């Protein structure tokens, strides 16, 4: 009888201990989850604050140029402004407005991608022509920065299904980033080839400043910018990679980055060839 009572008491004590331990662990997990959520929220808040500060600069600079030069032209009758200066000032105003439009479009693009409201106009696309068009867009900028451009396209690339405007935007963003973060004397290269018969692999590589693993994730986030001396000296919204990844994923593809700090970066995109991989509707328009 006493032995059974003793054993029952031990079981009761063990059960109580297990219950208390379980409660303690649950409380600890809750505190850890709460702390992680708070840290994540604070980090997101800092990133958004930095993004807004950067946007303020990106918007104010071209607006000030537009206001300043237009004011000079407005008072051309009061001051002597030579005809060649009028043309020069008009060019400055145009460049500033073009930059401003680019900033606004980037903000709208990332907003649509995040909300899933971007529409894709799916049609037959030559990926070689898309890449070639994107490279022509950045040729002058690369030449001015003394950066060599190289390309290698595999023969007989398949025709893929996608939105040509959005795909050009993807590779223009990737090439622009590569040129932007590559010092003079460096090289930016593009390779396009088939992958497993039903996909197309496009890689954009550079010999630029590179990134650490934590910086890669930051660069891909919608409100994140890698903070370094070269990035601070270049204009831009910092949304290029986030927009590119979003548009590639809308095409049913993937975007991955491998980088070595101080030695360069390679961005690889894998796009499906078949239209069903893009989830096309009969109307040939696809919502994200």
Protein backbone atom coordinates (compact mmCIF):
# COMPACT_ATOMS: atom_id res chain seq x y z
CA UNK A 1 0.00 0.00 0.00
CA UNK A 2 2.76 2.45 1.01
CA UNK A 3 4.76 1.45 -2.04
CA UNK A 4 1.84 2.17 -4.34
CA UNK A 5 1.25 5.53 -2.66
CA UNK A 6 4.89 6.42 -3.04
CA UNK A 7 4.85 5.48 -6.70
CA UNK A 8 1.68 7.48 -7.26
CA UNK A 9 3.26 10.46 -5.57
CA UNK A 10 6.30 10.17 -7.80
CA UNK A 11 4.11 10.02 -10.91
CA UNK A 12 2.16 13.05 -9.73
CA UNK A 13 5.35 14.99 -9.08
CA UNK A 14 6.76 13.98 -12.47
CA UNK A 15 3.54 15.00 -14.21
CA UNK A 16 3.54 18.35 -12.42
CA UNK A 17 7.20 18.91 -13.32
CA UNK A 18 6.55 18.05 -16.97
CA UNK A 19 3.60 20.41 -17.06
CA UNK A 20 5.60 23.25 -15.50
CA UNK A 21 8.49 22.61 -17.89
CA UNK A 22 6.13 22.63 -20.85
CA UNK A 23 4.58 25.90 -19.72
CA UNK A 24 8.03 27.45 -19.23
CA UNK A 25 9.13 26.35 -22.69
CA UNK A 26 5.91 27.71 -24.24
CA UNK A 27 6.42 31.06 -22.52
CA UNK A 28 10.05 31.16 -23.66
CA UNK A 29 9.11 30.35 -27.26
CA UNK A 30 6.48 33.09 -27.14
CA UNK A 31 9.03 35.61 -25.82
CA UNK A 32 11.55 34.58 -28.49
CA UNK A 33 8.90 34.87 -31.24
CA UNK A 34 7.80 38.25 -29.90
CA UNK A 35 11.39 39.49 -29.80
CA UNK A 36 12.07 38.20 -33.34
CA UNK A 37 8.92 39.91 -34.62
CA UNK A 38 9.92 43.14 -32.90
CA UNK A 39 13.45 43.01 -34.36
CA UNK A 40 12.03 42.26 -37.83
CA UNK A 41 9.57 45.14 -37.54
CA UNK A 42 12.32 47.52 -36.40
CA UNK A 43 14.55 46.41 -39.27
CA UNK A 44 11.72 46.87 -41.77
CA UNK A 45 11.03 50.32 -40.32
CA UNK A 46 14.70 51.31 -40.65
CA UNK A 47 14.82 50.04 -44.22
CA UNK A 48 11.69 51.97 -45.15
CA UNK A 49 13.01 55.11 -43.47
CA UNK A 50 16.28 54.79 -45.41
CA UNK A 51 14.31 54.16 -48.59
CA UNK A 52 12.16 57.26 -48.05
CA UNK A 53 15.27 59.35 -47.35
CA UNK A 54 16.86 58.07 -50.55
CA UNK A 55 13.67 58.71 -52.51
CA UNK A 56 13.59 62.25 -51.14
CA UNK A 57 17.04 62.83 -52.63
CA UNK A 58 16.14 61.11 -55.90
CA UNK A 59 13.01 63.25 -56.30
CA UNK A 60 14.37 66.57 -55.06
CA UNK A 61 17.50 66.58 -57.24
CA UNK A 62 15.75 66.41 -60.64
CA UNK A 63 12.92 68.65 -59.44
CA UNK A 64 15.39 71.33 -58.36
CA UNK A 65 17.10 71.09 -61.76
CA UNK A 66 13.77 71.44 -63.57
CA UNK A 67 12.72 74.41 -61.45
CA UNK A 68 16.10 76.12 -61.67
CA UNK A 69 16.65 75.89 -65.42
CA UNK A 70 13.01 76.58 -66.28
CA UNK A 71 13.20 79.74 -64.14
CA UNK A 72 16.26 80.88 -66.08
CA UNK A 73 14.43 80.30 -69.38
CA UNK A 74 11.34 82.04 -68.05
CA UNK A 75 13.40 85.18 -67.43
CA UNK A 76 15.29 84.96 -70.72
CA UNK A 77 13.83 88.35 -71.72
CA UNK A 78 15.34 90.03 -68.67
CA UNK A 79 18.75 88.39 -68.96
CA UNK A 80 20.78 87.68 -72.03
CA UNK A 81 20.51 83.97 -72.73
CA UNK A 82 22.24 82.78 -75.88
CA UNK A 83 20.35 80.39 -78.21
CA UNK A 84 22.88 77.62 -77.53
CA UNK A 85 22.27 78.05 -73.79
CA UNK A 86 18.52 77.66 -74.33
CA UNK A 87 19.17 74.33 -76.05
CA UNK A 88 21.58 73.32 -73.28
CA UNK A 89 19.17 74.22 -70.48
CA UNK A 90 16.29 72.47 -72.25
CA UNK A 91 18.47 69.36 -72.42
CA UNK A 92 19.12 69.53 -68.66
CA UNK A 93 15.39 69.87 -68.01
CA UNK A 94 14.65 66.89 -70.26
CA UNK A 95 17.29 64.71 -68.55
CA UNK A 96 16.00 65.66 -65.09
CA UNK A 97 12.40 64.93 -66.09
CA UNK A 98 13.43 61.61 -67.61
CA UNK A 99 15.21 60.64 -64.39
CA UNK A 100 12.20 61.71 -62.35
CA UNK A 101 9.89 59.61 -64.52
CA UNK A 102 12.23 56.63 -64.05
CA UNK A 103 12.10 57.01 -60.26
CA UNK A 104 8.30 57.23 -60.23
CA UNK A 105 7.99 54.23 -62.56
CA UNK A 106 10.28 52.16 -60.30
CA UNK A 107 8.14 52.95 -57.27
CA UNK A 108 4.94 52.09 -59.15
CA UNK A 109 6.47 48.88 -60.51
CA UNK A 110 7.53 47.52 -57.12
CA UNK A 111 4.16 48.52 -55.66
CA UNK A 112 2.29 46.58 -58.37
CA UNK A 113 4.59 43.57 -58.03
CA UNK A 114 4.09 43.41 -54.26
CA UNK A 115 0.32 43.80 -54.57
CA UNK A 116 0.10 41.26 -57.42
CA UNK A 117 -1.58 43.65 -59.86
CA UNK A 118 1.03 43.65 -62.64
CA UNK A 119 -0.31 42.28 -65.93
CA UNK A 120 1.86 40.39 -68.41
CA UNK A 121 1.15 40.63 -72.14
CA UNK A 122 2.30 37.14 -73.12
CA UNK A 123 3.50 36.51 -76.67
CA UNK A 124 6.28 34.76 -78.59
CA UNK A 125 9.61 36.25 -77.54
CA UNK A 126 13.16 35.93 -78.89
CA UNK A 127 15.28 36.08 -75.76
CA UNK A 128 18.32 36.91 -77.88
CA UNK A 129 16.62 40.01 -79.27
CA UNK A 130 15.49 41.03 -75.78
CA UNK A 131 19.04 40.78 -74.38
CA UNK A 132 20.50 42.51 -77.45
CA UNK A 133 18.07 45.42 -77.04
CA UNK A 134 18.89 45.74 -73.34
CA UNK A 135 22.63 45.75 -74.10
CA UNK A 136 22.23 48.52 -76.67
CA UNK A 137 20.45 50.56 -74.00
CA UNK A 138 23.49 50.49 -71.69
CA UNK A 139 26.27 50.54 -74.33
CA UNK A 140 26.88 54.29 -74.08
CA UNK A 141 26.89 54.23 -70.28
CA UNK A 142 29.36 51.33 -70.28
CA UNK A 143 31.64 53.09 -72.78
CA UNK A 144 31.62 56.27 -70.69
CA UNK A 145 32.53 54.23 -67.61
CA UNK A 146 35.29 52.39 -69.54
CA UNK A 147 33.65 49.02 -68.98
CA UNK A 148 33.84 46.25 -71.60
CA UNK A 149 30.65 44.44 -72.64
CA UNK A 150 30.79 40.79 -73.71
CA UNK A 151 28.06 38.42 -74.83
CA UNK A 152 27.70 34.76 -75.76
CA UNK A 153 24.42 33.40 -77.12
CA UNK A 154 23.99 29.69 -77.70
CA UNK A 155 22.90 28.96 -81.32
CA UNK A 156 19.27 28.00 -82.03
CA UNK A 157 17.81 29.36 -78.80
CA UNK A 158 14.13 28.41 -78.40
CA UNK A 159 11.37 30.97 -78.75
CA UNK A 160 9.86 31.50 -75.32
CA UNK A 161 6.52 32.88 -74.16
CA UNK A 162 6.55 36.06 -72.12
CA UNK A 163 6.04 39.80 -71.97
CA UNK A 164 8.78 41.42 -74.11
CA UNK A 165 8.49 44.81 -72.39
CA UNK A 166 8.77 43.33 -68.90
CA UNK A 167 11.60 40.99 -69.88
CA UNK A 168 13.55 43.87 -71.40
CA UNK A 169 13.02 45.74 -68.14
CA UNK A 170 14.46 42.78 -66.21
CA UNK A 171 17.68 42.59 -68.21
CA UNK A 172 18.07 46.35 -68.55
CA UNK A 173 17.92 46.55 -64.73
CA UNK A 174 20.44 43.73 -64.31
CA UNK A 175 22.86 45.16 -66.89
CA UNK A 176 22.50 48.69 -65.50
CA UNK A 177 23.31 47.41 -62.01
CA UNK A 178 26.32 45.49 -63.29
CA UNK A 179 27.71 48.57 -65.04
CA UNK A 180 26.83 50.81 -62.10
CA UNK A 181 28.83 48.75 -59.59
CA UNK A 182 31.81 47.88 -61.78
CA UNK A 183 34.84 50.19 -61.63
CA UNK A 184 36.53 51.52 -64.77
CA UNK A 185 38.51 48.87 -66.63
CA UNK A 186 36.12 46.11 -65.59
CA UNK A 187 33.90 43.86 -67.65
CA UNK A 188 30.21 42.95 -67.83
CA UNK A 189 29.28 39.74 -69.63
CA UNK A 190 26.02 38.06 -70.65
CA UNK A 191 25.52 34.39 -71.49
CA UNK A 192 22.29 32.85 -72.82
CA UNK A 193 21.75 29.11 -73.28
CA UNK A 194 19.11 26.39 -73.16
CA UNK A 195 18.66 24.50 -69.90
CA UNK A 196 17.26 20.95 -69.76
CA UNK A 197 15.34 21.51 -72.99
CA UNK A 198 12.41 23.42 -71.47
CA UNK A 199 14.08 26.46 -69.92
CA UNK A 200 16.44 29.30 -70.88
CA UNK A 201 19.30 30.28 -68.60
CA UNK A 202 20.53 33.89 -68.74
CA UNK A 203 23.53 34.95 -66.63
CA UNK A 204 24.74 38.52 -66.18
CA UNK A 205 28.20 38.68 -64.63
CA UNK A 206 30.50 41.54 -63.69
CA UNK A 207 33.92 42.16 -62.19
CA UNK A 208 32.58 44.78 -59.80
CA UNK A 209 32.61 45.34 -56.06
CA UNK A 210 30.63 42.23 -55.19
CA UNK A 211 28.51 41.56 -52.11
CA UNK A 212 28.56 39.51 -48.94
CA UNK A 213 25.72 37.00 -48.33
CA UNK A 214 23.83 39.38 -46.03
CA UNK A 215 24.16 42.18 -48.56
CA UNK A 216 22.64 40.00 -51.30
CA UNK A 217 19.44 39.51 -49.32
CA UNK A 218 19.36 43.22 -48.54
CA UNK A 219 19.83 44.18 -52.20
CA UNK A 220 16.94 41.92 -53.22
CA UNK A 221 14.53 43.40 -50.69
CA UNK A 222 12.18 46.15 -51.97
CA UNK A 223 13.37 48.76 -49.48
CA UNK A 224 16.98 47.67 -49.04
CA UNK A 225 20.17 49.18 -50.43
CA UNK A 226 23.70 47.92 -49.90
CA UNK A 227 25.57 50.71 -48.14
CA UNK A 228 29.02 51.19 -49.61
CA UNK A 229 31.13 53.98 -51.03
CA UNK A 230 30.41 53.16 -54.67
CA UNK A 231 26.65 52.83 -54.19
CA UNK A 232 26.48 56.17 -52.39
CA UNK A 233 28.23 57.85 -55.32
CA UNK A 234 25.71 56.47 -57.87
CA UNK A 235 22.17 57.62 -58.48
CA UNK A 236 19.32 55.15 -58.33
CA UNK A 237 16.32 53.97 -56.36
CA UNK A 238 17.83 50.65 -55.33
CA UNK A 239 14.73 48.84 -56.62
CA UNK A 240 16.26 47.33 -59.76
CA UNK A 241 17.00 43.86 -58.36
CA UNK A 242 13.71 43.59 -56.47
CA UNK A 243 11.76 44.54 -59.61
CA UNK A 244 13.78 42.12 -61.76
CA UNK A 245 13.20 39.20 -59.38
CA UNK A 246 9.49 39.98 -59.11
CA UNK A 247 9.02 40.08 -62.88
CA UNK A 248 11.05 36.90 -63.43
CA UNK A 249 8.95 35.07 -60.84
CA UNK A 250 5.78 36.32 -62.54
CA UNK A 251 7.06 34.59 -65.68
CA UNK A 252 7.32 31.34 -63.72
CA UNK A 253 11.11 31.67 -63.46
CA UNK A 254 13.72 32.14 -60.77
CA UNK A 255 16.47 34.67 -60.10
CA UNK A 256 19.55 33.81 -58.05
CA UNK A 257 22.67 35.78 -57.16
CA UNK A 258 26.17 34.55 -56.40
CA UNK A 259 28.75 37.12 -55.42
CA UNK A 260 32.25 37.45 -54.03
CA UNK A 261 33.12 40.63 -52.17
CA UNK A 262 35.66 42.61 -54.17
CA UNK A 263 35.63 40.22 -57.12
CA UNK A 264 32.23 40.50 -58.78
CA UNK A 265 28.66 39.27 -59.02
CA UNK A 266 26.73 36.84 -61.21
CA UNK A 267 22.94 37.06 -61.52
CA UNK A 268 21.29 34.00 -63.06
CA UNK A 269 17.71 33.89 -64.32
CA UNK A 270 15.96 30.70 -65.37
CA UNK A 271 12.88 31.20 -67.57
CA UNK A 272 10.40 28.55 -68.75
CA UNK A 273 9.88 28.05 -72.47
CA UNK A 274 6.30 26.72 -72.39
CA UNK A 275 3.38 29.09 -71.96
CA UNK A 276 1.71 26.83 -69.40
CA UNK A 277 4.65 27.50 -67.09
CA UNK A 278 3.67 31.18 -67.19
CA UNK A 279 0.04 30.27 -66.37
CA UNK A 280 -1.32 32.19 -69.35
CA UNK A 281 -5.01 32.88 -69.68
CA UNK A 282 -6.80 32.44 -73.02
CA UNK A 283 -6.72 36.23 -73.40
CA UNK A 284 -2.91 35.98 -73.29
CA UNK A 285 -2.74 38.34 -70.31
CA UNK A 286 -1.41 37.17 -67.00
CA UNK A 287 -1.89 38.69 -63.58
CA UNK A 288 0.77 38.16 -60.96
